[in-house]
Amino acid sequence: MKLIGFLAIFSTIAVLVYQLHYEVEVCELCGWQRIFMFPIDIIVLVSLYYKTKTNHMIIEILSAFGIFFAGYHYYYHFRGWVLGEIVSLPCSVGGLLPACTDNNGILQFGFITIPFMALVVFITIL
């Protein structure tokens, strides 16, 4: 449970640093991934404080949904940024949030994007 807490808190801090310090805009799918990651922080902290071990199912469910959204998001990032294909997502039409494929995101080592990092963390938590 401590490892899960460390991973969740570290990823929360990292994503907020990317957003607030490096000014990477948050797209709709990144927002959904945050919806499933941020509660894991609170659940783990409460579980560690009260020394309960019954919250693992909630964490696993949140992580499974996070894997779905991160995998879907990374699939389109990989096609668009790594393979260079022209990709259109439903969130690319317009609205209040930036498009998932058009933002100036992070691309490390030629294939690691923020959704890939989220996917690795969600899989590790699960």
C-alpha atoms as a PDB file:
ATOM      1  CA  MET A   1       0.000   0.000   0.000  1.00  0.00           C
ATOM      2  CA  LYS A   2       2.918   2.346   0.657  1.00  0.00           C
ATOM      3  CA  LEU A   3       4.315   1.763  -2.837  1.00  0.00           C
ATOM      4  CA  ILE A   4       0.920   2.501  -4.370  1.00  0.00           C
ATOM      5  CA  GLY A   5       0.717   5.685  -2.312  1.00  0.00           C
ATOM      6  CA  PHE A   6       4.191   6.755  -3.376  1.00  0.00           C
ATOM      7  CA  LEU A   7       3.419   6.151  -7.055  1.00  0.00           C
ATOM      8  CA  ALA A   8       0.087   7.948  -6.890  1.00  0.00           C
ATOM      9  CA  ILE A   9       1.422  10.968  -5.018  1.00  0.00           C
ATOM     10  CA  PHE A  10       4.532  11.161  -7.210  1.00  0.00           C
ATOM     11  CA  SER A  11       2.445  11.049 -10.388  1.00  0.00           C
ATOM     12  CA  THR A  12       0.050  13.673  -9.043  1.00  0.00           C
ATOM     13  CA  ILE A  13       2.925  16.013  -8.199  1.00  0.00           C
ATOM     14  CA  ALA A  14       4.597  15.333 -11.557  1.00  0.00           C
ATOM     15  CA  VAL A  15       1.472  16.069 -13.578  1.00  0.00           C
ATOM     16  CA  LEU A  16       0.858  19.288 -11.641  1.00  0.00           C
ATOM     17  CA  VAL A  17       4.479  20.349 -12.245  1.00  0.00           C
ATOM     18  CA  TYR A  18       4.018  19.746 -15.976  1.00  0.00           C
ATOM     19  CA  GLN A  19       0.818  21.773 -15.948  1.00  0.00           C
ATOM     20  CA  LEU A  20       1.803  24.658 -13.684  1.00  0.00           C
ATOM     21  CA  HIS A  21       5.562  25.015 -14.213  1.00  0.00           C
ATOM     22  CA  TYR A  22       6.042  23.880 -17.824  1.00  0.00           C
ATOM     23  CA  GLU A  23       2.579  25.189 -18.841  1.00  0.00           C
ATOM     24  CA  VAL A  24       1.503  22.031 -20.676  1.00  0.00           C
ATOM     25  CA  GLU A  25      -2.180  22.372 -21.413  1.00  0.00           C
ATOM     26  CA  VAL A  26      -4.515  19.696 -20.077  1.00  0.00           C
ATOM     27  CA  CYS A  27      -6.667  18.025 -22.713  1.00  0.00           C
ATOM     28  CA  GLU A  28      -9.942  16.239 -22.068  1.00  0.00           C
ATOM     29  CA  LEU A  29      -8.492  12.727 -21.900  1.00  0.00           C
ATOM     30  CA  CYS A  30      -5.750  13.877 -19.520  1.00  0.00           C
ATOM     31  CA  GLY A  31      -8.499  15.297 -17.345  1.00  0.00           C
ATOM     32  CA  TRP A  32     -10.229  11.917 -17.271  1.00  0.00           C
ATOM     33  CA  GLN A  33      -6.987  10.236 -16.272  1.00  0.00           C
ATOM     34  CA  ARG A  34      -6.655  12.718 -13.420  1.00  0.00           C
ATOM     35  CA  ILE A  35     -10.184  11.912 -12.290  1.00  0.00           C
ATOM     36  CA  PHE A  36      -9.069   8.322 -11.724  1.00  0.00           C
ATOM     37  CA  MET A  37      -5.578   9.086 -10.327  1.00  0.00           C
ATOM     38  CA  PHE A  38      -6.217  11.835  -7.791  1.00  0.00           C
ATOM     39  CA  PRO A  39      -8.705   9.866  -5.627  1.00  0.00           C
ATOM     40  CA  ILE A  40      -6.156   7.054  -5.306  1.00  0.00           C
ATOM     41  CA  ASP A  41      -3.947   9.500  -3.350  1.00  0.00           C
ATOM     42  CA  ILE A  42      -6.695  10.213  -0.846  1.00  0.00           C
ATOM     43  CA  ILE A  43      -7.822   6.594  -0.543  1.00  0.00           C
ATOM     44  CA  VAL A  44      -4.278   5.382   0.104  1.00  0.00           C
ATOM     45  CA  LEU A  45      -3.552   8.116   2.664  1.00  0.00           C
ATOM     46  CA  VAL A  46      -6.777   7.364   4.542  1.00  0.00           C
ATOM     47  CA  SER A  47      -6.059   3.627   4.384  1.00  0.00           C
ATOM     48  CA  LEU A  48      -2.562   4.107   5.746  1.00  0.00           C
ATOM     49  CA  TYR A  49      -3.760   6.441   8.481  1.00  0.00           C
ATOM     50  CA  TYR A  50      -6.508   4.089   9.704  1.00  0.00           C
ATOM     51  CA  LYS A  51      -4.454   0.954   8.896  1.00  0.00           C
ATOM     52  CA  THR A  52      -7.226  -0.597   6.820  1.00  0.00           C
ATOM     53  CA  LYS A  53      -6.535  -3.011   4.001  1.00  0.00           C
ATOM     54  CA  THR A  54     -10.010  -3.233   2.521  1.00  0.00           C
ATOM     55  CA  ASN A  55      -9.753  -0.405  -0.014  1.00  0.00           C
ATOM     56  CA  HIS A  56      -7.726  -2.331  -2.554  1.00  0.00           C
ATOM     57  CA  MET A  57     -10.802  -3.085  -4.681  1.00  0.00           C
ATOM     58  CA  ILE A  58     -11.617   0.617  -5.049  1.00  0.00           C
ATOM     59  CA  ILE A  59      -8.004   1.344  -6.013  1.00  0.00           C
ATOM     60  CA  GLU A  60      -8.026  -1.498  -8.540  1.00  0.00           C
ATOM     61  CA  ILE A  61     -11.269  -0.280 -10.127  1.00  0.00           C
ATOM     62  CA  LEU A  62      -9.968   3.284 -10.410  1.00  0.00           C
ATOM     63  CA  SER A  63      -6.714   1.973 -11.841  1.00  0.00           C
ATOM     64  CA  ALA A  64      -8.524  -0.219 -14.394  1.00  0.00           C
ATOM     65  CA  PHE A  65     -10.536   2.746 -15.669  1.00  0.00           C
ATOM     66  CA  GLY A  66      -7.347   4.804 -15.723  1.00  0.00           C
ATOM     67  CA  ILE A  67      -5.634   2.116 -17.814  1.00  0.00           C
ATOM     68  CA  PHE A  68      -8.478   2.277 -20.316  1.00  0.00           C
ATOM     69  CA  PHE A  69      -8.311   6.066 -20.717  1.00  0.00           C
ATOM     70  CA  ALA A  70      -4.498   6.222 -20.698  1.00  0.00           C
ATOM     71  CA  GLY A  71      -4.216   3.388 -23.223  1.00  0.00           C
ATOM     72  CA  TYR A  72      -6.786   4.992 -25.519  1.00  0.00           C
ATOM     73  CA  HIS A  73      -5.054   8.350 -25.234  1.00  0.00           C
ATOM     74  CA  TYR A  74      -1.568   6.950 -25.777  1.00  0.00           C
ATOM     75  CA  TYR A  75      -2.746   4.999 -28.836  1.00  0.00           C
ATOM     76  CA  TYR A  76      -3.665   8.267 -30.531  1.00  0.00           C
ATOM     77  CA  HIS A  77      -0.551  10.048 -29.269  1.00  0.00           C
ATOM     78  CA  PHE A  78       1.616   7.237 -30.641  1.00  0.00           C
ATOM     79  CA  ARG A  79      -0.097   7.332 -34.019  1.00  0.00           C
ATOM     80  CA  GLY A  80       0.055  11.112 -34.245  1.00  0.00           C
ATOM     81  CA  TRP A  81       3.379  12.025 -32.679  1.00  0.00           C
ATOM     82  CA  VAL A  82       5.559   8.958 -33.202  1.00  0.00           C
ATOM     83  CA  LEU A  83       4.235   7.560 -36.488  1.00  0.00           C
ATOM     84  CA  GLY A  84       3.372  10.999 -37.884  1.00  0.00           C
ATOM     85  CA  GLU A  85      -0.151  10.103 -38.989  1.00  0.00           C
ATOM     86  CA  ILE A  86      -2.936  12.650 -39.131  1.00  0.00           C
ATOM     87  CA  VAL A  87      -5.210  11.755 -36.236  1.00  0.00           C
ATOM     88  CA  SER A  88      -8.626  13.157 -35.419  1.00  0.00           C
ATOM     89  CA  LEU A  89     -10.266  12.603 -32.056  1.00  0.00           C
ATOM     90  CA  PRO A  90     -13.761  13.628 -30.956  1.00  0.00           C
ATOM     91  CA  CYS A  91     -12.160  16.141 -28.602  1.00  0.00           C
ATOM     92  CA  SER A  92     -10.306  17.721 -31.572  1.00  0.00           C
ATOM     93  CA  VAL A  93     -13.507  19.377 -32.813  1.00  0.00           C
ATOM     94  CA  GLY A  94     -13.246  22.284 -30.408  1.00  0.00           C
ATOM     95  CA  GLY A  95     -14.503  23.416 -27.090  1.00  0.00           C
ATOM     96  CA  LEU A  96     -13.148  24.730 -23.845  1.00  0.00           C
ATOM     97  CA  LEU A  97     -10.259  22.285 -23.529  1.00  0.00           C
ATOM     98  CA  PRO A  98      -7.375  21.934 -25.998  1.00  0.00           C
ATOM     99  CA  ALA A  99      -7.362  19.083 -28.499  1.00  0.00           C
ATOM    100  CA  CYS A 100      -5.758  15.848 -27.315  1.00  0.00           C
ATOM    101  CA  THR A 101      -3.436  15.581 -30.296  1.00  0.00           C
ATOM    102  CA  ASP A 102      -2.612  19.238 -30.989  1.00  0.00           C
ATOM    103  CA  ASN A 103      -1.224  20.406 -27.668  1.00  0.00           C
ATOM    104  CA  ASN A 104       2.458  21.034 -27.130  1.00  0.00           C
ATOM    105  CA  GLY A 105       2.987  18.050 -24.901  1.00  0.00           C
ATOM    106  CA  ILE A 106       5.983  16.125 -23.736  1.00  0.00           C
ATOM    107  CA  LEU A 107       7.781  13.639 -25.988  1.00  0.00           C
ATOM    108  CA  GLN A 108      10.765  11.933 -24.338  1.00  0.00           C
ATOM    109  CA  PHE A 109      13.029   9.401 -26.089  1.00  0.00           C
ATOM    110  CA  GLY A 110      10.811   9.561 -29.154  1.00  0.00           C
ATOM    111  CA  PHE A 111       7.863   7.608 -27.726  1.00  0.00           C
ATOM    112  CA  ILE A 112       7.206   8.506 -24.079  1.00  0.00           C
ATOM    113  CA  THR A 113       4.342  10.948 -23.654  1.00  0.00           C
ATOM    114  CA  ILE A 114       2.336  11.927 -20.585  1.00  0.00           C
ATOM    115  CA  PRO A 115      -0.398   9.346 -21.362  1.00  0.00           C
ATOM    116  CA  PHE A 116       2.328   6.675 -21.606  1.00  0.00           C
ATOM    117  CA  MET A 117       3.630   7.699 -18.178  1.00  0.00           C
ATOM    118  CA  ALA A 118       0.087   7.525 -16.794  1.00  0.00           C
ATOM    119  CA  LEU A 119      -0.421   4.116 -18.386  1.00  0.00           C
ATOM    120  CA  VAL A 120       2.739   2.767 -16.732  1.00  0.00           C
ATOM    121  CA  VAL A 121       1.699   4.108 -13.325  1.00  0.00           C
ATOM    122  CA  PHE A 122      -1.851   2.729 -13.593  1.00  0.00           C
ATOM    123  CA  ILE A 123      -0.540  -0.694 -14.644  1.00  0.00           C
ATOM    124  CA  THR A 124       1.962  -0.674 -11.780  1.00  0.00           C
ATOM    125  CA  ILE A 125      -0.766   0.245  -9.294  1.00  0.00           C
ATOM    126  CA  LEU A 126      -3.054  -2.491 -10.591  1.00  0.00           C
END
